[in-house]
Protein backbone atom coordinates (compact mmCIF):
# COMPACT_ATOMS: atom_id res chain seq x y z
CA UNK A 1 86.77 97.36 57.62
CA UNK A 2 84.26 97.91 54.79
CA UNK A 3 81.15 95.82 54.20
CA UNK A 4 82.65 94.20 51.10
CA UNK A 5 85.57 92.90 53.14
CA UNK A 6 83.18 91.50 55.75
CA UNK A 7 81.18 89.76 53.03
CA UNK A 8 84.36 88.29 51.60
CA UNK A 9 85.37 86.81 54.94
CA UNK A 10 81.92 85.34 55.50
CA UNK A 11 82.05 83.84 52.02
CA UNK A 12 85.35 82.19 52.89
CA UNK A 13 83.78 80.77 56.05
CA UNK A 14 80.88 79.38 53.99
CA UNK A 15 83.37 77.84 51.57
CA UNK A 16 85.03 76.12 54.50
CA UNK A 17 81.73 74.58 55.55
CA UNK A 18 80.96 73.38 52.04
CA UNK A 19 84.42 71.92 51.62
CA UNK A 20 83.73 69.57 54.57
CA UNK A 21 81.98 67.30 52.10
CA UNK A 22 85.11 66.98 49.95
CA UNK A 23 88.15 67.25 52.21
CA UNK A 24 89.09 66.97 55.84
CA UNK A 25 90.83 70.36 55.91
CA UNK A 26 87.48 72.10 55.60
CA UNK A 27 87.24 72.43 59.39
CA UNK A 28 90.58 74.21 59.43
CA UNK A 29 89.60 76.66 56.67
CA UNK A 30 86.27 77.39 58.33
CA UNK A 31 87.84 77.94 61.74
CA UNK A 32 90.42 80.33 60.35
CA UNK A 33 87.81 82.35 58.49
CA UNK A 34 85.53 82.62 61.51
CA UNK A 35 88.50 83.72 63.59
CA UNK A 36 89.27 86.49 61.06
CA UNK A 37 85.64 87.64 61.15
CA UNK A 38 85.68 87.74 64.97
CA UNK A 39 88.87 89.79 64.96
CA UNK A 40 87.46 92.24 62.44
CA UNK A 41 84.23 92.74 64.40
CA UNK A 42 86.24 93.26 67.57
CA UNK A 43 88.18 95.96 65.76
CA UNK A 44 84.97 97.78 64.82
CA UNK A 45 84.06 97.99 68.52
CA UNK A 46 87.41 99.60 69.44
CA UNK A 47 86.89 103.18 68.36
CA UNK A 48 90.06 104.94 67.21
CA UNK A 49 89.51 108.68 66.87
CA UNK A 50 91.90 110.40 64.47
CA UNK A 51 93.70 112.60 63.71
CA UNK A 52 95.55 113.71 66.85
CA UNK A 53 97.89 116.69 67.22
CA UNK A 54 99.57 115.78 70.56
CA UNK A 55 98.94 119.39 71.62
CA UNK A 56 97.65 119.59 75.17
CA UNK A 57 94.63 121.70 76.00
CA UNK A 58 95.07 122.74 79.65
CA UNK A 59 91.95 122.16 81.69
CA UNK A 60 90.97 125.53 83.25
CA UNK A 61 91.33 125.66 87.04
CA UNK A 62 88.15 124.81 88.91
CA UNK A 63 86.46 123.17 85.93
CA UNK A 64 84.40 120.03 86.58
CA UNK A 65 83.31 118.19 83.46
CA UNK A 66 80.06 116.33 84.14
CA UNK A 67 78.25 113.93 81.86
CA UNK A 68 75.77 111.09 82.17
CA UNK A 69 75.22 108.11 79.90
CA UNK A 70 72.76 105.28 79.58
CA UNK A 71 73.86 101.72 80.33
CA UNK A 72 75.26 101.36 76.80
CA UNK A 73 77.51 104.40 77.17
CA UNK A 74 75.53 106.88 75.06
CA UNK A 75 75.64 110.47 76.31
CA UNK A 76 72.36 111.68 77.83
CA UNK A 77 73.61 114.86 79.52
CA UNK A 78 76.74 117.04 79.52
CA UNK A 79 77.33 120.30 81.39
CA UNK A 80 78.58 123.48 79.68
CA UNK A 81 82.17 122.91 80.88
CA UNK A 82 82.21 119.47 79.25
CA UNK A 83 80.90 120.94 75.98
CA UNK A 84 83.48 123.74 75.99
CA UNK A 85 86.49 121.54 76.70
CA UNK A 86 85.46 118.79 74.25
CA UNK A 87 85.31 121.23 71.33
CA UNK A 88 82.03 119.72 70.15
CA UNK A 89 78.61 121.36 70.28
CA UNK A 90 76.02 119.98 72.65
CA UNK A 91 73.97 118.66 69.73
CA UNK A 92 77.03 116.77 68.47
CA UNK A 93 77.45 115.08 71.85
CA UNK A 94 73.96 114.10 73.01
CA UNK A 95 73.06 110.58 71.93
CA UNK A 96 76.61 109.74 70.83
CA UNK A 97 78.79 107.03 72.41
CA UNK A 98 80.97 108.47 75.13
CA UNK A 99 84.04 107.04 73.39
CA UNK A 100 83.59 109.86 70.88
CA UNK A 101 86.19 111.70 72.99
CA UNK A 102 88.47 108.70 73.54
CA UNK A 103 92.12 109.40 72.70
CA UNK A 104 93.95 106.63 70.80
CA UNK A 105 96.83 106.82 73.30
CA UNK A 106 94.55 105.42 76.01
CA UNK A 107 95.12 101.66 76.52
CA UNK A 108 92.12 99.39 76.02
CA UNK A 109 92.92 97.75 79.37
CA UNK A 110 91.92 100.93 81.21
CA UNK A 111 88.43 100.90 79.69
CA UNK A 112 88.07 97.16 80.19
CA UNK A 113 88.71 97.75 83.88
CA UNK A 114 86.36 100.72 83.99
CA UNK A 115 83.43 98.76 82.54
CA UNK A 116 84.17 95.73 84.72
CA UNK A 117 84.18 97.95 87.81
CA UNK A 118 81.07 100.03 87.17
CA UNK A 119 79.07 97.04 85.93
CA UNK A 120 79.83 95.47 89.30
CA UNK A 121 78.12 98.49 90.86
CA UNK A 122 81.32 100.10 92.12
CA UNK A 123 82.74 103.58 91.44
CA UNK A 124 85.85 103.86 89.24
CA UNK A 125 88.50 106.56 89.32
CA UNK A 126 91.64 107.01 87.22
CA UNK A 127 93.52 109.59 85.13
CA UNK A 128 92.25 109.71 81.53
CA UNK A 129 93.57 111.35 78.36
CA UNK A 130 90.69 112.58 76.17
CA UNK A 131 90.65 113.87 72.60
CA UNK A 132 89.08 117.16 71.57
CA UNK A 133 87.27 117.58 68.27
CA UNK A 134 90.29 119.37 66.73
CA UNK A 135 92.66 116.52 67.68
CA UNK A 136 94.16 118.22 70.74
CA UNK A 137 93.98 116.41 74.07
CA UNK A 138 93.32 117.15 77.73
CA UNK A 139 94.04 115.18 80.91
CA UNK A 140 91.50 114.70 83.69
CA UNK A 141 90.93 112.57 86.76
CA UNK A 142 87.76 110.70 85.82
CA UNK A 143 85.32 109.51 88.49
CA UNK A 144 82.58 107.25 87.13
CA UNK A 145 79.68 106.07 89.30
CA UNK A 146 76.62 103.93 88.46
CA UNK A 147 73.23 105.67 88.63
CA UNK A 148 70.51 103.62 90.30
CA UNK A 149 66.78 103.43 90.49
CA UNK A 150 66.43 101.21 93.52
CA UNK A 151 68.60 98.19 92.82
CA UNK A 152 68.55 98.73 89.06
CA UNK A 153 71.48 100.48 87.37
CA UNK A 154 70.00 102.98 84.91
CA UNK A 155 73.14 104.69 83.67
CA UNK A 156 76.44 106.23 84.72
CA UNK A 157 77.60 109.67 85.81
CA UNK A 158 81.15 110.84 85.16
CA UNK A 159 82.77 113.80 86.92
CA UNK A 160 86.19 114.80 85.60
CA UNK A 161 88.49 117.22 87.39
CA UNK A 162 91.98 118.71 87.02
CA UNK A 163 94.96 116.31 86.94
CA UNK A 164 98.30 117.50 88.35
CA UNK A 165 101.39 117.56 86.14
CA UNK A 166 103.12 114.95 88.30
CA UNK A 167 100.13 112.61 88.03
CA UNK A 168 99.99 113.10 84.25
CA UNK A 169 103.67 112.23 83.79
CA UNK A 170 103.43 109.11 85.95
CA UNK A 171 100.25 108.01 84.21
CA UNK A 172 101.70 108.52 80.72
CA UNK A 173 104.60 106.20 81.59
CA UNK A 174 102.23 103.59 83.04
CA UNK A 175 99.83 103.71 80.07
CA UNK A 176 102.74 103.41 77.63
CA UNK A 177 103.77 100.19 79.40
CA UNK A 178 100.17 98.95 79.16
CA UNK A 179 99.97 99.66 75.43
CA UNK A 180 103.27 97.89 74.77
CA UNK A 181 102.21 95.04 77.05
CA UNK A 182 99.06 94.47 74.97
CA UNK A 183 101.28 93.17 72.15
CA UNK A 184 102.69 90.36 74.32
CA UNK A 185 101.20 86.88 74.47
CA UNK A 186 101.49 86.89 78.28
CA UNK A 187 100.58 90.33 79.69
CA UNK A 188 102.68 91.60 82.59
CA UNK A 189 100.45 94.54 83.57
CA UNK A 190 96.78 95.13 84.26
CA UNK A 191 94.45 97.84 85.53
CA UNK A 192 92.41 97.00 88.64
CA UNK A 193 89.91 99.50 90.04
CA UNK A 194 91.75 102.27 88.18
CA UNK A 195 95.22 101.30 89.43
CA UNK A 196 97.95 99.98 87.10
CA UNK A 197 99.35 96.81 88.66
CA UNK A 198 102.17 94.47 87.75
CA UNK A 199 101.30 90.80 87.15
CA UNK A 200 104.81 89.57 87.99
CA UNK A 201 104.82 86.91 90.75
CA UNK A 202 106.70 89.05 93.28
CA UNK A 203 104.32 91.97 92.78
CA UNK A 204 101.30 89.67 93.19
CA UNK A 205 102.76 88.24 96.40
CA UNK A 206 103.43 91.72 97.75
CA UNK A 207 99.80 92.72 97.18
CA UNK A 208 98.53 89.57 98.90
CA UNK A 209 100.77 90.10 101.92
CA UNK A 210 100.06 93.81 102.20
CA UNK A 211 98.53 94.39 105.67
CA UNK A 212 95.09 95.88 106.00
CA UNK A 213 94.21 98.99 108.06
CA UNK A 214 93.84 97.19 111.39
CA UNK A 215 97.00 95.17 110.90
CA UNK A 216 98.91 98.34 110.10
CA UNK A 217 97.65 99.73 113.39
CA UNK A 218 98.47 96.60 115.39
CA UNK A 219 101.90 95.79 113.98
CA UNK A 220 103.71 98.55 115.93
CA UNK A 221 101.86 97.50 119.09
CA UNK A 222 102.78 93.88 118.48
CA UNK A 223 106.43 94.78 117.98
CA UNK A 224 106.50 96.84 121.15
CA UNK A 225 104.75 94.15 123.18
CA UNK A 226 107.05 91.41 121.94
CA UNK A 227 110.12 93.52 122.62
CA UNK A 228 108.96 94.21 126.16
CA UNK A 229 108.13 90.54 126.73
CA UNK A 230 111.49 89.33 125.42
CA UNK A 231 113.38 91.91 127.49
CA UNK A 232 111.47 90.99 130.67
CA UNK A 233 111.87 87.24 130.28
CA UNK A 234 115.50 87.47 129.21
CA UNK A 235 116.37 89.01 132.55
CA UNK A 236 114.95 86.13 134.55
CA UNK A 237 115.53 83.30 132.08
CA UNK A 238 116.80 80.18 133.85
CA UNK A 239 115.83 76.50 133.65
CA UNK A 240 112.33 76.63 132.25
CA UNK A 241 112.74 80.26 131.24
CA UNK A 242 112.61 79.46 127.49
CA UNK A 243 109.23 77.77 127.79
CA UNK A 244 107.97 80.69 129.83
CA UNK A 245 109.23 83.11 127.19
CA UNK A 246 107.48 81.25 124.37
CA UNK A 247 104.27 81.07 126.38
CA UNK A 248 104.40 84.81 127.05
CA UNK A 249 105.04 85.62 123.38
CA UNK A 250 102.17 83.37 122.27
CA UNK A 251 99.85 84.88 124.83
CA UNK A 252 100.74 88.42 123.78
CA UNK A 253 100.14 87.54 120.12
CA UNK A 254 96.73 86.04 120.89
CA UNK A 255 95.72 89.07 122.95
CA UNK A 256 96.69 91.47 120.15
CA UNK A 257 94.90 89.30 117.57
CA UNK A 258 91.78 89.53 119.70
CA UNK A 259 92.16 93.28 119.97
CA UNK A 260 92.56 93.53 116.18
CA UNK A 261 89.37 91.50 115.63
CA UNK A 262 87.44 93.60 118.13
CA UNK A 263 88.88 96.79 116.67
CA UNK A 264 87.76 95.83 113.20
CA UNK A 265 84.22 95.21 114.41
CA UNK A 266 84.13 98.49 116.32
CA UNK A 267 86.10 100.77 113.98
CA UNK A 268 86.73 99.48 110.46
CA UNK A 269 83.44 97.69 109.72
CA UNK A 270 81.23 100.75 110.46
CA UNK A 271 83.46 102.92 108.29
CA UNK A 272 83.20 100.39 105.45
CA UNK A 273 79.40 100.37 105.84
CA UNK A 274 79.29 104.17 105.69
CA UNK A 275 81.52 104.14 102.60
CA UNK A 276 79.20 101.64 100.89
CA UNK A 277 76.20 103.82 101.75
CA UNK A 278 78.01 106.92 100.46
CA UNK A 279 78.68 105.13 97.16
CA UNK A 280 75.01 104.20 96.85
CA UNK A 281 73.99 107.77 97.68
CA UNK A 282 76.36 109.09 95.01
CA UNK A 283 74.76 106.66 92.59
CA UNK A 284 71.34 108.17 93.29
CA UNK A 285 70.04 105.39 95.55
CA UNK A 286 68.36 107.04 98.56
CA UNK A 287 66.95 103.81 99.99
CA UNK A 288 69.73 102.95 102.41
CA UNK A 289 69.15 102.31 106.10
CA UNK A 290 70.11 104.92 108.68
CA UNK A 291 72.28 103.00 111.20
CA UNK A 292 71.04 105.26 114.02
CA UNK A 293 67.54 103.86 113.54
CA UNK A 294 68.52 100.22 113.75
């Protein structure tokens, strides 16, 4: 939108304020005008790089495209592979917003999720379709990690690698659904930590009920223990046999629950701690504690 159009909208908003002195509908006019201005400014922030050719530029095998940005997303470094694949010169890239290479086929939801994730201090990974300077495109698996100086995030590093054809085809279908979904009043899809997820009630319930690592380990043991308990008690069931059976089943369940809790403390929790430390190390934070020294 050009400056003259912006000025026109702001003039309409001012007219709405002035008209409050003469008619009650002034609030309505003013609100509508301010809404239009907000929509226009939002549109300026959503960069749409054109034209596009829909010709794919195959990422050479073994290439890793590396770039760093400041906290506002402006490019501060890019390796030679990144420069070559982008089609721009290094001078054209340094200091520019990283969305210079954004392809218009990429859904806004993916980048909303990316910024929400990395601003929370977490790494983000997902397939991304980028645009070259000549309008061609290339697919990569993008891995974005915050850079730290102590506890302060100072920028972001992105490492992009080859994406398989199967992953590209599945991602294209998912991103098409996301783009179409953006036109609905009630979205049915979202991206969370780089994964496209359905917002339908059944899908939400499935994610909530999905067992964690320790539960996945214990469920087969629980099934085997319960089967053995039922088989043993069924043989000798008589009189108070049903109460005995229920007591045995409850006891077995409690024992396995205790084992799962202990297993998490001994196995899963240390792995999660090491993963968190690895993420901080990848982000450039070397001030993490060595658990062997504690």
